[in-house]
Amino acid sequence: MAELLKRYYPKYVDVHNYVAGNSIAKKTDNWSTLNRKVLSKIDMRLRKEMINQLASSQPGVIEKVLTDLRVKILKDSERDKELLYFDHEDNKGSYLIVTNYL
């Protein structure tokens, strides 16, 4: 997950903070670190219960997180694109679109 987030939010992710491991304790530690250092900064914080479910590999939990992350990435990408177009002086009609996100 950290490697995926590194691609879309590179300034928040230091992959070296996460140690590979199979134990629930190591997975919980990695998810907690990711939650504190990255997910909280992109406004996608996970509850402790969700972290425990992820670490325990409960069915359906990672799919929910990945679906939410996909929506977040698409929303942020669209916003970045609109802000880029707004900054371009030839594009005068984007102001109304951009203000919807503010």
N, C-alpha and C. Protein backbone atom coordinates (compact mmCIF):
# COMPACT_ATOMS: atom_id res chain seq x y z
N MET A 1 0.83 -1.19 0.00
CA MET A 1 0.00 0.00 0.00
C MET A 1 0.88 1.25 0.00
N ALA A 2 1.96 1.22 0.77
CA ALA A 2 2.85 2.39 0.80
C ALA A 2 3.43 2.68 -0.58
N GLU A 3 3.77 1.64 -1.32
CA GLU A 3 4.32 1.84 -2.66
C GLU A 3 3.28 2.44 -3.61
N LEU A 4 2.04 2.02 -3.46
CA LEU A 4 0.96 2.58 -4.26
C LEU A 4 0.75 4.06 -3.91
N LEU A 5 0.70 4.37 -2.63
CA LEU A 5 0.53 5.75 -2.20
C LEU A 5 1.72 6.62 -2.60
N LYS A 6 2.90 6.05 -2.64
CA LYS A 6 4.11 6.78 -3.05
C LYS A 6 3.95 7.32 -4.47
N ARG A 7 3.28 6.55 -5.31
CA ARG A 7 3.09 6.97 -6.71
C ARG A 7 2.19 8.21 -6.81
N TYR A 8 1.16 8.28 -5.99
CA TYR A 8 0.18 9.37 -6.10
C TYR A 8 0.40 10.50 -5.11
N TYR A 9 1.03 10.21 -3.99
CA TYR A 9 1.29 11.22 -2.95
C TYR A 9 2.75 11.11 -2.51
N PRO A 10 3.69 11.35 -3.42
CA PRO A 10 5.11 11.08 -3.12
C PRO A 10 5.70 11.90 -1.98
N LYS A 11 5.19 13.10 -1.76
CA LYS A 11 5.79 13.91 -0.70
C LYS A 11 5.44 13.42 0.70
N TYR A 12 4.45 12.55 0.82
CA TYR A 12 4.04 12.05 2.14
C TYR A 12 4.61 10.68 2.49
N VAL A 13 5.11 9.94 1.52
CA VAL A 13 5.47 8.54 1.75
C VAL A 13 6.98 8.34 1.72
N ASP A 14 7.50 7.76 2.79
CA ASP A 14 8.87 7.26 2.84
C ASP A 14 8.78 5.75 2.99
N VAL A 15 9.03 5.04 1.90
CA VAL A 15 8.83 3.59 1.89
C VAL A 15 9.70 2.89 2.93
N HIS A 16 10.83 3.47 3.28
CA HIS A 16 11.72 2.83 4.26
C HIS A 16 11.10 2.73 5.66
N ASN A 17 9.98 3.42 5.90
CA ASN A 17 9.31 3.35 7.21
C ASN A 17 8.55 2.04 7.43
N TYR A 18 8.44 1.23 6.39
CA TYR A 18 7.62 0.02 6.47
C TYR A 18 8.48 -1.22 6.30
N VAL A 19 8.38 -2.12 7.28
CA VAL A 19 9.18 -3.34 7.28
C VAL A 19 8.29 -4.51 6.91
N ALA A 20 8.74 -5.31 5.94
CA ALA A 20 7.97 -6.48 5.54
C ALA A 20 7.87 -7.45 6.71
N GLY A 21 6.70 -8.04 6.86
CA GLY A 21 6.52 -9.01 7.93
C GLY A 21 5.19 -9.71 7.80
N ASN A 22 5.09 -10.89 8.36
CA ASN A 22 3.86 -11.67 8.28
C ASN A 22 3.06 -11.67 9.57
N SER A 23 3.65 -11.21 10.65
CA SER A 23 2.93 -11.25 11.93
C SER A 23 1.87 -10.15 11.97
N ILE A 24 0.83 -10.43 12.72
CA ILE A 24 -0.24 -9.44 12.88
C ILE A 24 0.31 -8.18 13.54
N ALA A 25 1.22 -8.35 14.48
CA ALA A 25 1.81 -7.19 15.17
C ALA A 25 2.56 -6.30 14.18
N LYS A 26 3.34 -6.90 13.27
CA LYS A 26 4.11 -6.11 12.29
C LYS A 26 3.16 -5.44 11.30
N LYS A 27 2.15 -6.16 10.87
CA LYS A 27 1.17 -5.57 9.94
C LYS A 27 0.42 -4.42 10.61
N THR A 28 0.05 -4.60 11.87
CA THR A 28 -0.64 -3.53 12.61
C THR A 28 0.26 -2.31 12.72
N ASP A 29 1.53 -2.54 13.01
CA ASP A 29 2.50 -1.44 13.12
C ASP A 29 2.63 -0.70 11.78
N ASN A 30 2.74 -1.45 10.70
CA ASN A 30 2.86 -0.83 9.38
C ASN A 30 1.61 -0.03 9.00
N TRP A 31 0.43 -0.60 9.24
CA TRP A 31 -0.82 0.11 8.93
C TRP A 31 -0.97 1.35 9.81
N SER A 32 -0.59 1.24 11.07
CA SER A 32 -0.68 2.39 11.98
C SER A 32 0.26 3.51 11.53
N THR A 33 1.46 3.13 11.11
CA THR A 33 2.42 4.11 10.60
C THR A 33 1.88 4.78 9.35
N LEU A 34 1.36 3.98 8.43
CA LEU A 34 0.80 4.52 7.19
C LEU A 34 -0.37 5.46 7.50
N ASN A 35 -1.19 5.06 8.44
CA ASN A 35 -2.34 5.87 8.83
C ASN A 35 -1.90 7.22 9.40
N ARG A 36 -0.91 7.19 10.27
CA ARG A 36 -0.44 8.40 10.95
C ARG A 36 0.34 9.32 10.00
N LYS A 37 1.23 8.74 9.20
CA LYS A 37 2.14 9.55 8.40
C LYS A 37 1.61 9.94 7.02
N VAL A 38 0.68 9.15 6.48
CA VAL A 38 0.22 9.40 5.11
C VAL A 38 -1.29 9.61 5.04
N LEU A 39 -2.04 8.62 5.45
CA LEU A 39 -3.49 8.69 5.27
C LEU A 39 -4.12 9.88 5.99
N SER A 40 -3.60 10.23 7.15
CA SER A 40 -4.14 11.40 7.86
C SER A 40 -3.89 12.69 7.08
N LYS A 41 -2.80 12.74 6.34
CA LYS A 41 -2.46 13.95 5.57
C LYS A 41 -3.27 14.09 4.30
N ILE A 42 -3.80 12.97 3.80
CA ILE A 42 -4.63 13.05 2.59
C ILE A 42 -6.10 12.94 2.94
N ASP A 43 -6.41 13.10 4.22
CA ASP A 43 -7.79 13.10 4.71
C ASP A 43 -8.49 11.76 4.44
N MET A 44 -7.79 10.68 4.80
CA MET A 44 -8.35 9.35 4.61
C MET A 44 -7.99 8.45 5.80
N ARG A 45 -8.04 8.99 6.98
CA ARG A 45 -7.64 8.28 8.20
C ARG A 45 -8.49 7.02 8.41
N LEU A 46 -7.82 5.95 8.84
CA LEU A 46 -8.49 4.69 9.16
C LEU A 46 -8.72 4.59 10.67
N ARG A 47 -9.86 4.01 11.04
CA ARG A 47 -10.13 3.76 12.45
C ARG A 47 -9.27 2.59 12.93
N LYS A 48 -9.03 2.53 14.22
CA LYS A 48 -8.21 1.47 14.81
C LYS A 48 -8.80 0.09 14.50
N GLU A 49 -10.11 -0.01 14.55
CA GLU A 49 -10.79 -1.27 14.23
C GLU A 49 -10.47 -1.71 12.80
N MET A 50 -10.48 -0.79 11.87
CA MET A 50 -10.17 -1.10 10.47
C MET A 50 -8.72 -1.56 10.33
N ILE A 51 -7.81 -0.91 11.04
CA ILE A 51 -6.40 -1.31 11.01
C ILE A 51 -6.25 -2.74 11.52
N ASN A 52 -6.93 -3.07 12.60
CA ASN A 52 -6.87 -4.43 13.14
C ASN A 52 -7.44 -5.44 12.15
N GLN A 53 -8.52 -5.08 11.47
CA GLN A 53 -9.11 -5.97 10.47
C GLN A 53 -8.16 -6.17 9.29
N LEU A 54 -7.50 -5.10 8.86
CA LEU A 54 -6.53 -5.22 7.77
C LEU A 54 -5.36 -6.11 8.17
N ALA A 55 -4.84 -5.91 9.36
CA ALA A 55 -3.70 -6.69 9.84
C ALA A 55 -4.06 -8.17 9.99
N SER A 56 -5.33 -8.43 10.30
CA SER A 56 -5.81 -9.80 10.46
C SER A 56 -6.29 -10.41 9.15
N SER A 57 -6.18 -9.67 8.08
CA SER A 57 -6.60 -10.12 6.74
C SER A 57 -8.06 -10.56 6.69
N GLN A 58 -8.92 -9.80 7.32
CA GLN A 58 -10.34 -10.13 7.27
C GLN A 58 -10.88 -9.89 5.86
N PRO A 59 -11.65 -10.83 5.36
CA PRO A 59 -12.17 -10.74 3.99
C PRO A 59 -12.96 -9.45 3.75
N GLY A 60 -12.71 -8.83 2.59
CA GLY A 60 -13.47 -7.67 2.17
C GLY A 60 -12.96 -6.33 2.67
N VAL A 61 -12.07 -6.34 3.65
CA VAL A 61 -11.62 -5.08 4.25
C VAL A 61 -10.68 -4.33 3.32
N ILE A 62 -9.68 -5.01 2.76
CA ILE A 62 -8.73 -4.33 1.87
C ILE A 62 -9.44 -3.82 0.62
N GLU A 63 -10.45 -4.55 0.15
CA GLU A 63 -11.21 -4.08 -1.01
C GLU A 63 -11.90 -2.76 -0.73
N LYS A 64 -12.43 -2.61 0.46
CA LYS A 64 -13.09 -1.35 0.86
C LYS A 64 -12.07 -0.20 0.89
N VAL A 65 -10.91 -0.47 1.49
CA VAL A 65 -9.85 0.56 1.57
C VAL A 65 -9.37 0.94 0.17
N LEU A 66 -9.15 -0.05 -0.69
CA LEU A 66 -8.68 0.24 -2.04
C LEU A 66 -9.72 0.99 -2.87
N THR A 67 -10.98 0.66 -2.68
CA THR A 67 -12.06 1.38 -3.37
C THR A 67 -12.10 2.83 -2.92
N ASP A 68 -12.02 3.05 -1.61
CA ASP A 68 -12.01 4.42 -1.08
C ASP A 68 -10.79 5.19 -1.57
N LEU A 69 -9.64 4.51 -1.62
CA LEU A 69 -8.42 5.16 -2.10
C LEU A 69 -8.54 5.52 -3.58
N ARG A 70 -9.12 4.64 -4.36
CA ARG A 70 -9.31 4.93 -5.78
C ARG A 70 -10.16 6.19 -5.97
N VAL A 71 -11.26 6.28 -5.23
CA VAL A 71 -12.12 7.46 -5.31
C VAL A 71 -11.34 8.72 -4.91
N LYS A 72 -10.57 8.62 -3.85
CA LYS A 72 -9.76 9.75 -3.36
C LYS A 72 -8.75 10.20 -4.42
N ILE A 73 -8.03 9.25 -5.00
CA ILE A 73 -7.02 9.57 -6.02
C ILE A 73 -7.68 10.23 -7.23
N LEU A 74 -8.78 9.67 -7.69
CA LEU A 74 -9.46 10.25 -8.85
C LEU A 74 -9.95 11.66 -8.55
N LYS A 75 -10.51 11.86 -7.38
CA LYS A 75 -10.99 13.20 -6.99
C LYS A 75 -9.82 14.19 -6.92
N ASP A 76 -8.73 13.79 -6.28
CA ASP A 76 -7.57 14.67 -6.17
C ASP A 76 -6.94 14.94 -7.53
N SER A 77 -6.89 13.93 -8.40
CA SER A 77 -6.32 14.11 -9.74
C SER A 77 -7.15 15.08 -10.56
N GLU A 78 -8.47 14.96 -10.46
CA GLU A 78 -9.35 15.86 -11.18
C GLU A 78 -9.19 17.29 -10.68
N ARG A 79 -9.09 17.43 -9.36
CA ARG A 79 -8.91 18.77 -8.78
C ARG A 79 -7.58 19.37 -9.24
N ASP A 80 -6.52 18.58 -9.23
CA ASP A 80 -5.22 19.07 -9.68
C ASP A 80 -5.27 19.51 -11.15
N LYS A 81 -5.97 18.72 -11.96
CA LYS A 81 -6.08 19.06 -13.38
C LYS A 81 -6.83 20.37 -13.56
N GLU A 82 -7.91 20.55 -12.82
CA GLU A 82 -8.69 21.79 -12.94
C GLU A 82 -7.89 22.98 -12.44
N LEU A 83 -7.13 22.81 -11.38
CA LEU A 83 -6.30 23.91 -10.89
C LEU A 83 -5.21 24.27 -11.89
N LEU A 84 -4.66 23.26 -12.56
CA LEU A 84 -3.66 23.50 -13.59
C LEU A 84 -4.26 24.31 -14.73
N TYR A 85 -5.45 23.94 -15.18
CA TYR A 85 -6.10 24.67 -16.27
C TYR A 85 -6.50 26.07 -15.83
N PHE A 86 -6.91 26.22 -14.58
CA PHE A 86 -7.29 27.53 -14.07
C PHE A 86 -6.10 28.47 -14.09
N ASP A 87 -4.92 27.97 -13.77
CA ASP A 87 -3.72 28.80 -13.75
C ASP A 87 -3.30 29.25 -15.14
N HIS A 88 -3.74 28.55 -16.18
CA HIS A 88 -3.38 28.91 -17.54
C HIS A 88 -4.22 30.11 -17.97
N GLU A 89 -3.58 31.15 -18.47
CA GLU A 89 -4.29 32.40 -18.75
C GLU A 89 -5.28 32.32 -19.89
N ASP A 90 -5.19 31.32 -20.77
CA ASP A 90 -6.15 31.19 -21.86
C ASP A 90 -7.47 30.58 -21.42
N ASN A 91 -7.51 30.04 -20.24
CA ASN A 91 -8.70 29.35 -19.75
C ASN A 91 -9.42 30.26 -18.75
N LYS A 92 -10.45 30.92 -19.20
CA LYS A 92 -11.12 31.89 -18.35
C LYS A 92 -12.38 31.34 -17.68
N GLY A 93 -12.92 30.21 -18.12
CA GLY A 93 -14.17 29.70 -17.59
C GLY A 93 -14.03 28.71 -16.45
N SER A 94 -12.82 28.40 -16.02
CA SER A 94 -12.63 27.36 -15.01
C SER A 94 -12.85 27.85 -13.59
N TYR A 95 -12.96 29.12 -13.38
CA TYR A 95 -13.09 29.62 -12.02
C TYR A 95 -14.26 29.02 -11.29
N LEU A 96 -15.40 28.90 -11.97
CA LEU A 96 -16.58 28.35 -11.32
C LEU A 96 -16.40 26.88 -10.98
N ILE A 97 -15.70 26.14 -11.81
CA ILE A 97 -15.45 24.73 -11.53
C ILE A 97 -14.52 24.58 -10.33
N VAL A 98 -13.47 25.38 -10.29
CA VAL A 98 -12.48 25.28 -9.22
C VAL A 98 -13.10 25.64 -7.87
N THR A 99 -13.95 26.64 -7.84
CA THR A 99 -14.50 27.07 -6.56
C THR A 99 -15.39 26.00 -5.93
N ASN A 100 -15.88 25.06 -6.70
CA ASN A 100 -16.68 23.98 -6.15
C ASN A 100 -15.87 23.12 -5.19
N TYR A 101 -14.58 23.10 -5.31
CA TYR A 101 -13.72 22.28 -4.46
C TYR A 101 -13.20 23.03 -3.25
N LEU A 102 -13.33 24.34 -3.22
CA LEU A 102 -12.76 25.12 -2.13
C LEU A 102 -13.68 25.18 -0.94
